[in-house]
Amino acid sequence: MSRNYKFNNPEATYFVSFAVIEWLDVFTRNEYKNILIDSLQFCQKEKGMEIYAWCIMTSHVHLIFRSIKGQKPELLLGDFKRFTSKAIVKAIIDNPKESRKEVLLEQFEKAGKKSSNVSKY
């Protein structure tokens, strides 16, 4: 997921899209979609993310939001993505029914090694 969003006005409303690495279909299971939704709800209640619309696709997410508690939108979005991605990886690891576990974790690790700001996928 790109970390190069340009938020010129911290009070503006923004449309952002972000994809799972390699466009992997992670959000095919309700468990993983629910983690994303719970994270959005937490950001609404605790971090000042005002959400106008969101759409979860199997491999990516669209979000229209703005920051209402003075936090920079890029930091708000970064916190959301960081927490959510870690929670989803943990859920994949802990899910005994996940048939794609090895493939997904291998791809996450491979992508993490290519990024200078990722120490553990």
N, C-alpha and C. Protein backbone atom coordinates (compact mmCIF):
# COMPACT_ATOMS: atom_id res chain seq x y z
N MET A 1 0.84 -1.17 0.00
CA MET A 1 0.00 0.00 0.00
C MET A 1 0.89 1.24 0.00
N SER A 2 0.57 2.14 -0.86
CA SER A 2 1.37 3.35 -0.99
C SER A 2 1.29 4.20 0.26
N ARG A 3 2.36 4.84 0.60
CA ARG A 3 2.38 5.76 1.73
C ARG A 3 2.57 7.19 1.22
N ASN A 4 2.29 7.43 -0.03
CA ASN A 4 2.55 8.73 -0.64
C ASN A 4 1.29 9.53 -0.92
N TYR A 5 0.31 9.46 -0.04
CA TYR A 5 -0.87 10.27 -0.22
C TYR A 5 -0.51 11.73 -0.03
N LYS A 6 -1.15 12.59 -0.78
CA LYS A 6 -0.93 14.03 -0.68
C LYS A 6 -2.16 14.67 -0.04
N PHE A 7 -2.03 15.03 1.22
CA PHE A 7 -3.11 15.68 1.94
C PHE A 7 -2.71 17.14 2.16
N ASN A 8 -3.11 18.00 1.25
CA ASN A 8 -2.70 19.40 1.29
C ASN A 8 -3.49 20.22 2.30
N ASN A 9 -4.71 19.82 2.58
CA ASN A 9 -5.55 20.54 3.52
C ASN A 9 -6.00 19.55 4.60
N PRO A 10 -5.53 19.69 5.84
CA PRO A 10 -5.85 18.71 6.88
C PRO A 10 -7.33 18.65 7.24
N GLU A 11 -8.10 19.65 6.84
CA GLU A 11 -9.53 19.66 7.17
C GLU A 11 -10.41 19.22 6.01
N ALA A 12 -9.81 18.89 4.89
CA ALA A 12 -10.58 18.53 3.70
C ALA A 12 -11.07 17.08 3.77
N THR A 13 -12.00 16.77 2.89
CA THR A 13 -12.49 15.40 2.74
C THR A 13 -11.69 14.75 1.62
N TYR A 14 -11.30 13.50 1.82
CA TYR A 14 -10.45 12.80 0.86
C TYR A 14 -11.03 11.46 0.46
N PHE A 15 -10.81 11.12 -0.81
CA PHE A 15 -11.10 9.78 -1.33
C PHE A 15 -9.77 9.06 -1.48
N VAL A 16 -9.64 7.91 -0.83
CA VAL A 16 -8.42 7.12 -0.94
C VAL A 16 -8.78 5.68 -1.28
N SER A 17 -7.88 5.04 -1.97
CA SER A 17 -7.99 3.60 -2.26
C SER A 17 -6.68 2.97 -1.87
N PHE A 18 -6.74 1.79 -1.31
CA PHE A 18 -5.52 1.05 -1.02
C PHE A 18 -5.78 -0.43 -1.22
N ALA A 19 -4.76 -1.11 -1.72
CA ALA A 19 -4.89 -2.51 -2.10
C ALA A 19 -4.01 -3.39 -1.23
N VAL A 20 -4.43 -4.63 -1.10
CA VAL A 20 -3.59 -5.65 -0.49
C VAL A 20 -2.43 -5.89 -1.45
N ILE A 21 -1.25 -6.18 -0.93
CA ILE A 21 -0.10 -6.40 -1.81
C ILE A 21 -0.43 -7.48 -2.84
N GLU A 22 0.08 -7.28 -4.04
CA GLU A 22 -0.14 -8.22 -5.15
C GLU A 22 -1.63 -8.43 -5.44
N TRP A 23 -2.46 -7.54 -4.96
CA TRP A 23 -3.91 -7.62 -5.16
C TRP A 23 -4.47 -8.97 -4.69
N LEU A 24 -3.92 -9.48 -3.60
CA LEU A 24 -4.39 -10.75 -3.05
C LEU A 24 -5.81 -10.60 -2.52
N ASP A 25 -6.62 -11.61 -2.74
CA ASP A 25 -8.02 -11.59 -2.29
C ASP A 25 -8.12 -11.96 -0.82
N VAL A 26 -7.79 -11.03 0.04
CA VAL A 26 -7.83 -11.27 1.49
C VAL A 26 -9.25 -11.11 2.02
N PHE A 27 -10.00 -10.17 1.48
CA PHE A 27 -11.31 -9.85 2.05
C PHE A 27 -12.43 -10.72 1.50
N THR A 28 -12.13 -11.98 1.26
CA THR A 28 -13.16 -12.93 0.85
C THR A 28 -13.81 -13.57 2.07
N ARG A 29 -13.15 -13.51 3.20
CA ARG A 29 -13.69 -14.09 4.44
C ARG A 29 -14.26 -12.96 5.31
N ASN A 30 -15.44 -13.23 5.85
CA ASN A 30 -16.09 -12.23 6.71
C ASN A 30 -15.23 -11.85 7.90
N GLU A 31 -14.49 -12.80 8.45
CA GLU A 31 -13.63 -12.53 9.60
C GLU A 31 -12.66 -11.38 9.32
N TYR A 32 -12.08 -11.37 8.14
CA TYR A 32 -11.10 -10.34 7.79
C TYR A 32 -11.79 -9.02 7.46
N LYS A 33 -12.95 -9.09 6.82
CA LYS A 33 -13.71 -7.86 6.56
C LYS A 33 -14.15 -7.22 7.87
N ASN A 34 -14.54 -8.05 8.83
CA ASN A 34 -14.99 -7.52 10.11
C ASN A 34 -13.87 -6.82 10.87
N ILE A 35 -12.65 -7.32 10.74
CA ILE A 35 -11.51 -6.64 11.36
C ILE A 35 -11.37 -5.23 10.77
N LEU A 36 -11.51 -5.13 9.47
CA LEU A 36 -11.41 -3.83 8.81
C LEU A 36 -12.53 -2.89 9.26
N ILE A 37 -13.74 -3.41 9.32
CA ILE A 37 -14.88 -2.61 9.76
C ILE A 37 -14.72 -2.17 11.21
N ASP A 38 -14.29 -3.09 12.08
CA ASP A 38 -14.05 -2.74 13.48
C ASP A 38 -12.99 -1.64 13.60
N SER A 39 -11.96 -1.71 12.78
CA SER A 39 -10.91 -0.68 12.80
C SER A 39 -11.46 0.67 12.36
N LEU A 40 -12.31 0.66 11.33
CA LEU A 40 -12.94 1.91 10.89
C LEU A 40 -13.80 2.50 12.01
N GLN A 41 -14.57 1.64 12.67
CA GLN A 41 -15.43 2.11 13.76
C GLN A 41 -14.61 2.68 14.91
N PHE A 42 -13.49 2.03 15.24
CA PHE A 42 -12.61 2.54 16.28
C PHE A 42 -12.07 3.92 15.90
N CYS A 43 -11.64 4.05 14.66
CA CYS A 43 -11.12 5.35 14.20
C CYS A 43 -12.19 6.43 14.24
N GLN A 44 -13.43 6.06 13.96
CA GLN A 44 -14.52 7.02 14.06
C GLN A 44 -14.71 7.49 15.50
N LYS A 45 -14.78 6.54 16.42
CA LYS A 45 -15.09 6.85 17.82
C LYS A 45 -13.93 7.47 18.58
N GLU A 46 -12.73 6.99 18.33
CA GLU A 46 -11.59 7.36 19.17
C GLU A 46 -10.57 8.29 18.52
N LYS A 47 -10.51 8.31 17.20
CA LYS A 47 -9.43 9.06 16.54
C LYS A 47 -9.92 10.23 15.71
N GLY A 48 -11.23 10.42 15.62
CA GLY A 48 -11.73 11.56 14.88
C GLY A 48 -11.78 11.38 13.38
N MET A 49 -12.00 10.15 12.94
CA MET A 49 -12.16 9.91 11.50
C MET A 49 -13.66 10.01 11.18
N GLU A 50 -14.00 10.98 10.38
CA GLU A 50 -15.38 11.11 9.93
C GLU A 50 -15.47 10.41 8.58
N ILE A 51 -16.29 9.37 8.51
CA ILE A 51 -16.37 8.54 7.31
C ILE A 51 -17.67 8.85 6.58
N TYR A 52 -17.53 9.13 5.29
CA TYR A 52 -18.69 9.40 4.45
C TYR A 52 -19.11 8.18 3.66
N ALA A 53 -18.15 7.36 3.26
CA ALA A 53 -18.45 6.14 2.51
C ALA A 53 -17.24 5.23 2.52
N TRP A 54 -17.50 3.94 2.41
CA TRP A 54 -16.42 2.97 2.26
C TRP A 54 -16.93 1.80 1.44
N CYS A 55 -16.02 1.13 0.80
CA CYS A 55 -16.36 -0.03 -0.02
C CYS A 55 -15.21 -1.03 0.11
N ILE A 56 -15.54 -2.22 0.59
CA ILE A 56 -14.53 -3.27 0.72
C ILE A 56 -14.69 -4.21 -0.47
N MET A 57 -13.66 -4.30 -1.28
CA MET A 57 -13.61 -5.26 -2.38
C MET A 57 -12.75 -6.43 -1.91
N THR A 58 -12.64 -7.47 -2.69
CA THR A 58 -11.89 -8.65 -2.23
C THR A 58 -10.41 -8.37 -2.03
N SER A 59 -9.86 -7.42 -2.77
CA SER A 59 -8.42 -7.17 -2.71
C SER A 59 -8.05 -5.71 -2.41
N HIS A 60 -9.04 -4.86 -2.24
CA HIS A 60 -8.75 -3.46 -1.98
C HIS A 60 -9.92 -2.76 -1.31
N VAL A 61 -9.66 -1.53 -0.87
CA VAL A 61 -10.66 -0.76 -0.12
C VAL A 61 -10.71 0.65 -0.67
N HIS A 62 -11.91 1.21 -0.75
CA HIS A 62 -12.12 2.61 -1.09
C HIS A 62 -12.70 3.29 0.15
N LEU A 63 -12.26 4.51 0.42
CA LEU A 63 -12.69 5.20 1.63
C LEU A 63 -12.78 6.70 1.36
N ILE A 64 -13.88 7.30 1.79
CA ILE A 64 -14.03 8.75 1.75
C ILE A 64 -14.13 9.20 3.20
N PHE A 65 -13.17 10.04 3.62
CA PHE A 65 -13.10 10.42 5.03
C PHE A 65 -12.49 11.80 5.19
N ARG A 66 -12.57 12.29 6.42
CA ARG A 66 -11.82 13.47 6.81
C ARG A 66 -11.49 13.35 8.30
N SER A 67 -10.49 14.10 8.72
CA SER A 67 -10.07 14.11 10.12
C SER A 67 -10.74 15.28 10.82
N ILE A 68 -11.40 15.01 11.95
CA ILE A 68 -12.14 16.08 12.63
C ILE A 68 -11.58 16.43 14.01
N LYS A 69 -10.53 15.76 14.46
CA LYS A 69 -9.96 16.06 15.78
C LYS A 69 -8.56 16.66 15.68
N GLY A 70 -8.25 17.24 14.55
CA GLY A 70 -6.98 17.92 14.40
C GLY A 70 -5.80 17.05 14.02
N GLN A 71 -5.98 15.74 13.96
CA GLN A 71 -4.88 14.88 13.55
C GLN A 71 -4.70 14.97 12.04
N LYS A 72 -3.47 14.95 11.59
CA LYS A 72 -3.21 14.98 10.15
C LYS A 72 -3.83 13.75 9.50
N PRO A 73 -4.52 13.93 8.36
CA PRO A 73 -5.16 12.79 7.71
C PRO A 73 -4.19 11.66 7.37
N GLU A 74 -2.97 12.00 6.97
CA GLU A 74 -2.01 10.96 6.61
C GLU A 74 -1.60 10.12 7.82
N LEU A 75 -1.54 10.75 9.00
CA LEU A 75 -1.22 10.00 10.22
C LEU A 75 -2.39 9.14 10.66
N LEU A 76 -3.58 9.68 10.54
CA LEU A 76 -4.79 8.94 10.86
C LEU A 76 -4.92 7.71 9.97
N LEU A 77 -4.74 7.90 8.68
CA LEU A 77 -4.83 6.79 7.75
C LEU A 77 -3.70 5.78 7.98
N GLY A 78 -2.51 6.28 8.24
CA GLY A 78 -1.37 5.40 8.50
C GLY A 78 -1.59 4.53 9.73
N ASP A 79 -2.11 5.13 10.82
CA ASP A 79 -2.42 4.36 12.02
C ASP A 79 -3.46 3.29 11.73
N PHE A 80 -4.49 3.66 11.00
CA PHE A 80 -5.55 2.71 10.64
C PHE A 80 -4.98 1.54 9.84
N LYS A 81 -4.21 1.84 8.83
CA LYS A 81 -3.67 0.78 7.97
C LYS A 81 -2.68 -0.12 8.72
N ARG A 82 -1.84 0.48 9.54
CA ARG A 82 -0.85 -0.29 10.30
C ARG A 82 -1.53 -1.26 11.27
N PHE A 83 -2.47 -0.74 12.07
CA PHE A 83 -3.17 -1.58 13.03
C PHE A 83 -3.96 -2.68 12.33
N THR A 84 -4.71 -2.29 11.29
CA THR A 84 -5.57 -3.24 10.59
C THR A 84 -4.77 -4.33 9.92
N SER A 85 -3.68 -3.98 9.27
CA SER A 85 -2.89 -5.00 8.58
C SER A 85 -2.30 -6.00 9.57
N LYS A 86 -1.82 -5.51 10.72
CA LYS A 86 -1.28 -6.42 11.73
C LYS A 86 -2.36 -7.35 12.27
N ALA A 87 -3.55 -6.81 12.51
CA ALA A 87 -4.66 -7.62 13.02
C ALA A 87 -5.09 -8.67 12.01
N ILE A 88 -5.10 -8.32 10.74
CA ILE A 88 -5.50 -9.29 9.71
C ILE A 88 -4.45 -10.38 9.56
N VAL A 89 -3.17 -10.02 9.58
CA VAL A 89 -2.11 -11.04 9.51
C VAL A 89 -2.22 -11.99 10.69
N LYS A 90 -2.46 -11.46 11.89
CA LYS A 90 -2.62 -12.32 13.07
C LYS A 90 -3.82 -13.24 12.90
N ALA A 91 -4.91 -12.72 12.38
CA ALA A 91 -6.11 -13.53 12.18
C ALA A 91 -5.85 -14.64 11.16
N ILE A 92 -5.09 -14.35 10.13
CA ILE A 92 -4.74 -15.37 9.14
C ILE A 92 -3.89 -16.45 9.79
N ILE A 93 -2.90 -16.05 10.57
CA ILE A 93 -2.02 -17.00 11.25
C ILE A 93 -2.82 -17.89 12.21
N ASP A 94 -3.75 -17.28 12.95
CA ASP A 94 -4.51 -18.00 13.97
C ASP A 94 -5.70 -18.78 13.44
N ASN A 95 -6.04 -18.62 12.18
CA ASN A 95 -7.23 -19.26 11.61
C ASN A 95 -6.91 -20.67 11.13
N PRO A 96 -7.36 -21.70 11.86
CA PRO A 96 -7.06 -23.08 11.44
C PRO A 96 -7.76 -23.48 10.14
N LYS A 97 -8.78 -22.74 9.75
CA LYS A 97 -9.53 -23.06 8.52
C LYS A 97 -9.00 -22.32 7.30
N GLU A 98 -7.97 -21.50 7.47
CA GLU A 98 -7.45 -20.71 6.35
C GLU A 98 -6.60 -21.59 5.44
N SER A 99 -7.17 -21.98 4.32
CA SER A 99 -6.48 -22.88 3.37
C SER A 99 -5.37 -22.16 2.60
N ARG A 100 -5.42 -20.84 2.55
CA ARG A 100 -4.44 -20.07 1.79
C ARG A 100 -3.34 -19.48 2.67
N LYS A 101 -3.28 -19.92 3.91
CA LYS A 101 -2.38 -19.33 4.91
C LYS A 101 -0.94 -19.24 4.42
N GLU A 102 -0.38 -20.35 3.96
CA GLU A 102 1.03 -20.35 3.54
C GLU A 102 1.28 -19.39 2.39
N VAL A 103 0.40 -19.41 1.40
CA VAL A 103 0.56 -18.54 0.23
C VAL A 103 0.46 -17.07 0.64
N LEU A 104 -0.55 -16.74 1.43
CA LEU A 104 -0.73 -15.35 1.85
C LEU A 104 0.47 -14.86 2.66
N LEU A 105 0.87 -15.63 3.66
CA LEU A 105 1.98 -15.20 4.51
C LEU A 105 3.29 -15.11 3.73
N GLU A 106 3.48 -16.01 2.79
CA GLU A 106 4.68 -15.96 1.95
C GLU A 106 4.71 -14.68 1.12
N GLN A 107 3.57 -14.31 0.55
CA GLN A 107 3.49 -13.09 -0.25
C GLN A 107 3.68 -11.85 0.61
N PHE A 108 3.10 -11.85 1.82
CA PHE A 108 3.27 -10.72 2.73
C PHE A 108 4.74 -10.55 3.09
N GLU A 109 5.39 -11.66 3.40
CA GLU A 109 6.81 -11.60 3.77
C GLU A 109 7.66 -11.11 2.61
N LYS A 110 7.38 -11.62 1.42
CA LYS A 110 8.12 -11.22 0.22
C LYS A 110 7.98 -9.71 -0.02
N ALA A 111 6.77 -9.20 0.09
CA ALA A 111 6.53 -7.77 -0.12
C ALA A 111 7.18 -6.94 0.98
N GLY A 112 7.14 -7.44 2.22
CA GLY A 112 7.75 -6.72 3.33
C GLY A 112 9.24 -6.56 3.18
N LYS A 113 9.89 -7.57 2.62
CA LYS A 113 11.34 -7.50 2.42
C LYS A 113 11.73 -6.44 1.39
N LYS A 114 10.81 -6.11 0.49
CA LYS A 114 11.08 -5.11 -0.54
C LYS A 114 10.91 -3.68 -0.03
N SER A 115 10.27 -3.53 1.13
CA SER A 115 9.96 -2.20 1.65
C SER A 115 10.88 -1.85 2.81
N SER A 116 11.48 -0.68 2.73
CA SER A 116 12.43 -0.26 3.76
C SER A 116 11.75 0.08 5.09
N ASN A 117 10.45 0.35 5.07
CA ASN A 117 9.77 0.73 6.31
C ASN A 117 8.97 -0.41 6.94
N VAL A 118 9.21 -1.65 6.49
CA VAL A 118 8.53 -2.81 7.05
C VAL A 118 9.57 -3.72 7.69
N SER A 119 9.46 -3.90 9.01
CA SER A 119 10.41 -4.78 9.68
C SER A 119 9.83 -6.17 9.85
N LYS A 120 8.53 -6.29 9.99
CA LYS A 120 7.83 -7.57 10.09
C LYS A 120 6.50 -7.37 9.40
N TYR A 121 6.23 -8.22 8.41
CA TYR A 121 5.00 -8.04 7.65
C TYR A 121 3.81 -8.04 8.54
